[in-house]
Protein backbone atom coordinates (compact mmCIF):
# COMPACT_ATOMS: atom_id res chain seq x y z
CA MET A 1 93.53 251.04 210.87
CA LYS A 2 90.63 250.95 212.65
CA ASN A 3 87.30 251.88 210.53
CA LYS A 4 86.97 255.07 213.13
CA ASN A 5 89.09 256.89 212.17
CA LEU A 6 88.98 256.99 208.22
CA HIS A 7 87.04 259.54 208.59
CA ASN A 8 90.39 261.63 210.20
CA ILE A 9 92.83 260.88 206.86
CA LYS A 10 93.27 263.99 204.67
CA SER A 11 95.87 262.99 202.72
CA ALA A 12 96.06 259.83 199.97
CA GLY A 13 99.77 258.60 200.23
CA PHE A 14 101.12 259.54 196.74
CA LYS A 15 103.31 262.17 195.50
CA THR A 16 104.29 263.61 192.32
CA PRO A 17 107.82 265.30 191.85
CA LYS A 18 107.18 268.63 190.93
CA ASP A 19 105.66 269.99 187.93
CA TYR A 20 105.61 265.92 186.75
CA PHE A 21 102.64 265.69 184.30
CA GLU A 22 104.14 269.24 182.52
CA SER A 23 107.13 267.47 180.90
CA PHE A 24 105.45 264.39 180.79
CA ASP A 25 104.00 264.26 177.66
CA ASP A 26 108.06 266.06 176.17
CA LYS A 27 109.59 263.06 177.55
CA ILE A 28 107.84 260.30 176.14
CA PHE A 29 107.49 262.39 173.09
CA SER A 30 112.21 262.60 173.03
CA LYS A 31 112.30 259.11 174.26
CA LEU A 32 109.51 257.85 171.08
CA ASN A 33 111.61 260.19 168.35
CA LYS A 34 114.85 258.64 169.01
CA GLU A 35 114.74 255.89 166.58
CA ASN A 36 118.14 254.01 167.95
CA HIS A 37 116.29 253.17 170.89
CA LEU A 38 114.81 249.78 169.94
CA GLU A 39 118.14 248.69 167.55
CA SER A 40 119.87 248.81 170.78
CA ILE A 41 118.10 246.22 172.91
CA LYS A 42 119.78 243.25 171.59
CA LYS A 43 117.79 240.83 174.03
CA THR A 44 114.23 240.34 174.45
CA GLY A 45 114.11 238.62 177.64
CA PHE A 46 112.81 235.29 176.36
CA LYS A 47 115.10 231.92 175.47
CA VAL A 48 113.25 229.20 174.38
CA PRO A 49 115.47 225.85 173.69
CA ASP A 50 117.75 224.67 170.47
CA ASP A 51 114.96 223.03 168.10
CA TYR A 52 111.77 223.72 170.30
CA PHE A 53 109.79 224.51 167.35
CA GLU A 54 110.73 221.84 165.03
CA SER A 55 109.74 218.85 167.32
CA LEU A 56 107.66 220.87 169.37
CA ASP A 57 104.42 219.11 167.18
CA GLU A 58 106.25 215.61 167.47
CA HIS A 59 106.03 215.94 170.72
CA ILE A 60 102.71 217.58 170.83
CA LEU A 61 101.29 214.27 169.01
CA ASP A 62 103.08 211.64 171.03
CA ASN A 63 101.81 212.59 174.03
CA ASN A 64 98.61 212.98 173.24
CA LEU A 65 98.06 209.52 171.18
CA SER A 66 99.57 207.25 174.17
CA GLU A 67 96.86 205.38 175.24
CA LYS A 68 96.40 206.17 178.82
CA GLU A 69 93.95 204.80 180.94
CA THR A 70 91.51 207.37 181.41
CA LYS A 71 89.10 206.92 184.06
CA VAL A 72 85.02 206.43 183.02
CA ILE A 73 82.38 207.98 185.02
CA GLN A 74 78.95 206.89 184.34
CA LEU A 75 75.62 209.05 184.27
CA PHE A 76 74.07 206.95 185.87
CA CYS A 77 74.99 205.17 188.53
CA LYS A 78 73.19 202.14 189.92
CA ARG A 79 73.42 203.72 192.97
CA ASN A 80 72.07 207.23 192.82
CA LEU A 81 69.48 205.21 190.47
CA VAL A 82 68.87 203.30 193.39
CA TYR A 83 68.27 206.17 195.29
CA ILE A 84 66.47 208.38 192.78
CA SER A 85 63.70 205.48 192.27
CA SER A 86 62.86 205.26 196.23
CA ILE A 87 61.79 208.52 196.37
CA ALA A 88 60.08 208.39 193.70
CA ALA A 89 58.07 205.23 195.09
CA ALA A 90 57.59 206.76 198.60
CA ILE A 91 56.50 209.92 197.08
CA LEU A 92 53.87 207.60 195.22
CA LEU A 93 53.00 205.60 197.93
CA LEU A 94 52.37 209.30 200.14
CA PHE A 95 49.89 209.95 197.31
CA ASN A 96 47.80 206.66 196.68
CA LEU A 97 47.13 206.36 199.89
CA SER A 98 44.17 207.32 201.91
CA ILE A 99 45.70 209.37 204.26
CA PHE A 100 44.63 212.37 202.55
CA GLU A 101 40.55 210.88 201.23
CA ASN A 102 38.40 212.78 203.40
CA THR A 103 35.17 211.23 202.53
CA PRO A 104 32.41 212.43 204.72
CA SER A 105 29.87 209.38 206.05
CA PHE A 106 26.90 209.81 207.16
CA ASN A 107 27.75 210.22 211.16
CA THR A 108 29.73 212.78 210.50
CA LEU A 109 27.28 214.63 208.78
CA ASP A 110 24.71 217.38 211.05
CA ILE A 111 21.58 217.11 210.95
CA GLU A 112 21.31 220.91 210.06
CA THR A 113 23.82 220.56 207.07
CA VAL A 114 21.61 217.76 205.50
CA GLU A 115 18.16 219.88 206.30
CA ASN A 116 20.11 223.43 204.09
CA TYR A 117 20.77 220.67 201.46
CA ILE A 118 17.63 219.40 200.33
CA LEU A 119 16.05 222.94 201.28
CA ASP A 120 18.92 224.42 198.43
CA GLU A 121 18.27 222.23 196.46
CA ASN A 122 14.75 221.67 196.20
CA ILE A 123 14.42 217.99 196.28
CA SER A 124 11.16 217.00 196.18
CA SER A 125 9.83 214.68 197.88
CA TYR A 126 9.52 211.69 194.90
CA GLU A 127 13.03 211.61 194.71
CA ILE A 128 14.54 211.42 198.50
CA ALA A 129 11.41 208.87 198.12
CA ALA A 130 13.13 207.02 195.27
CA LEU A 131 16.40 207.05 197.46
CA LEU A 132 14.80 204.84 199.96
CA SER A 133 14.75 201.14 200.13
CA ASP A 134 13.08 198.52 201.83
CA GLU A 135 15.61 198.83 203.92
CA HIS A 136 15.21 202.46 205.40
CA GLU A 137 11.57 202.40 205.72
CA GLU A 138 11.07 199.75 208.08
CA ASN A 139 13.42 202.01 210.09
CA ILE A 140 11.84 205.31 210.10
CA ILE A 141 9.40 205.89 213.04
CA ILE A 142 7.41 208.46 212.35
CA ASP A 143 6.55 209.71 215.91
CA TYR A 144 4.13 212.68 216.23
CA SER A 145 1.31 213.28 219.32
CA ILE A 146 -1.35 214.14 217.15
CA ASP A 147 -4.47 215.29 219.90
CA GLU A 148 -8.33 215.59 218.38
CA ASP A 149 -7.83 219.28 218.77
CA ASN A 150 -4.83 219.62 217.05
CA ILE A 151 -6.61 217.44 213.87
CA GLU A 152 -10.27 219.70 214.70
CA GLU A 153 -8.16 223.45 214.19
CA TYR A 154 -6.29 222.14 211.13
CA LEU A 155 -9.04 220.77 209.79
CA LEU A 156 -11.16 224.38 209.98
CA ASN A 157 -8.07 225.61 209.15
CA ASN A 158 -7.02 223.81 205.74
CA ALA A 159 -9.80 221.57 204.50
CA ASP A 160 -12.83 222.44 202.50
CA ILE A 161 -15.49 220.83 204.15
CA GLU A 162 -17.21 220.31 201.07
CA ALA A 163 -15.40 218.30 199.75
CA LEU A 164 -14.89 216.45 202.54
CA MET A 165 -18.17 216.01 202.82
CA ILE A 166 -18.91 215.05 199.34
CA GLU A 167 -15.96 211.93 199.72
């Protein structure tokens, strides 16, 4: 039957005889009230071999106590142990390699990043000087173009002339 026609089915397909449920209780009670009904049954429908229950214990013990070779399955097989240890070693090696390490070098740092760090951290010039060694001092070349006009303008605006005269 196709699923498309299921909504067209109007009957369930089961039928009961007329007045079945009205007389059902009476029929059952009449059969239960007959005491000789159960006595008339002579066979139970089950057949047991002769002396079955007397020899049952011996039969079970003979089957279970006989030495049969049983197959032993080891919990940790050598092959499985090798597989697991090789996977663990590969994972350990992967994490110990320097693939994931991203240490910055001075060549990859931007000048702006270094300047922002120095400004934000309030590092003094004495601390910066302490970090520089004699090797670095040789490589530092200050190339400022200073004109006499710039020096004169700076001294007029920022310096105290009387203090300079006293020195």
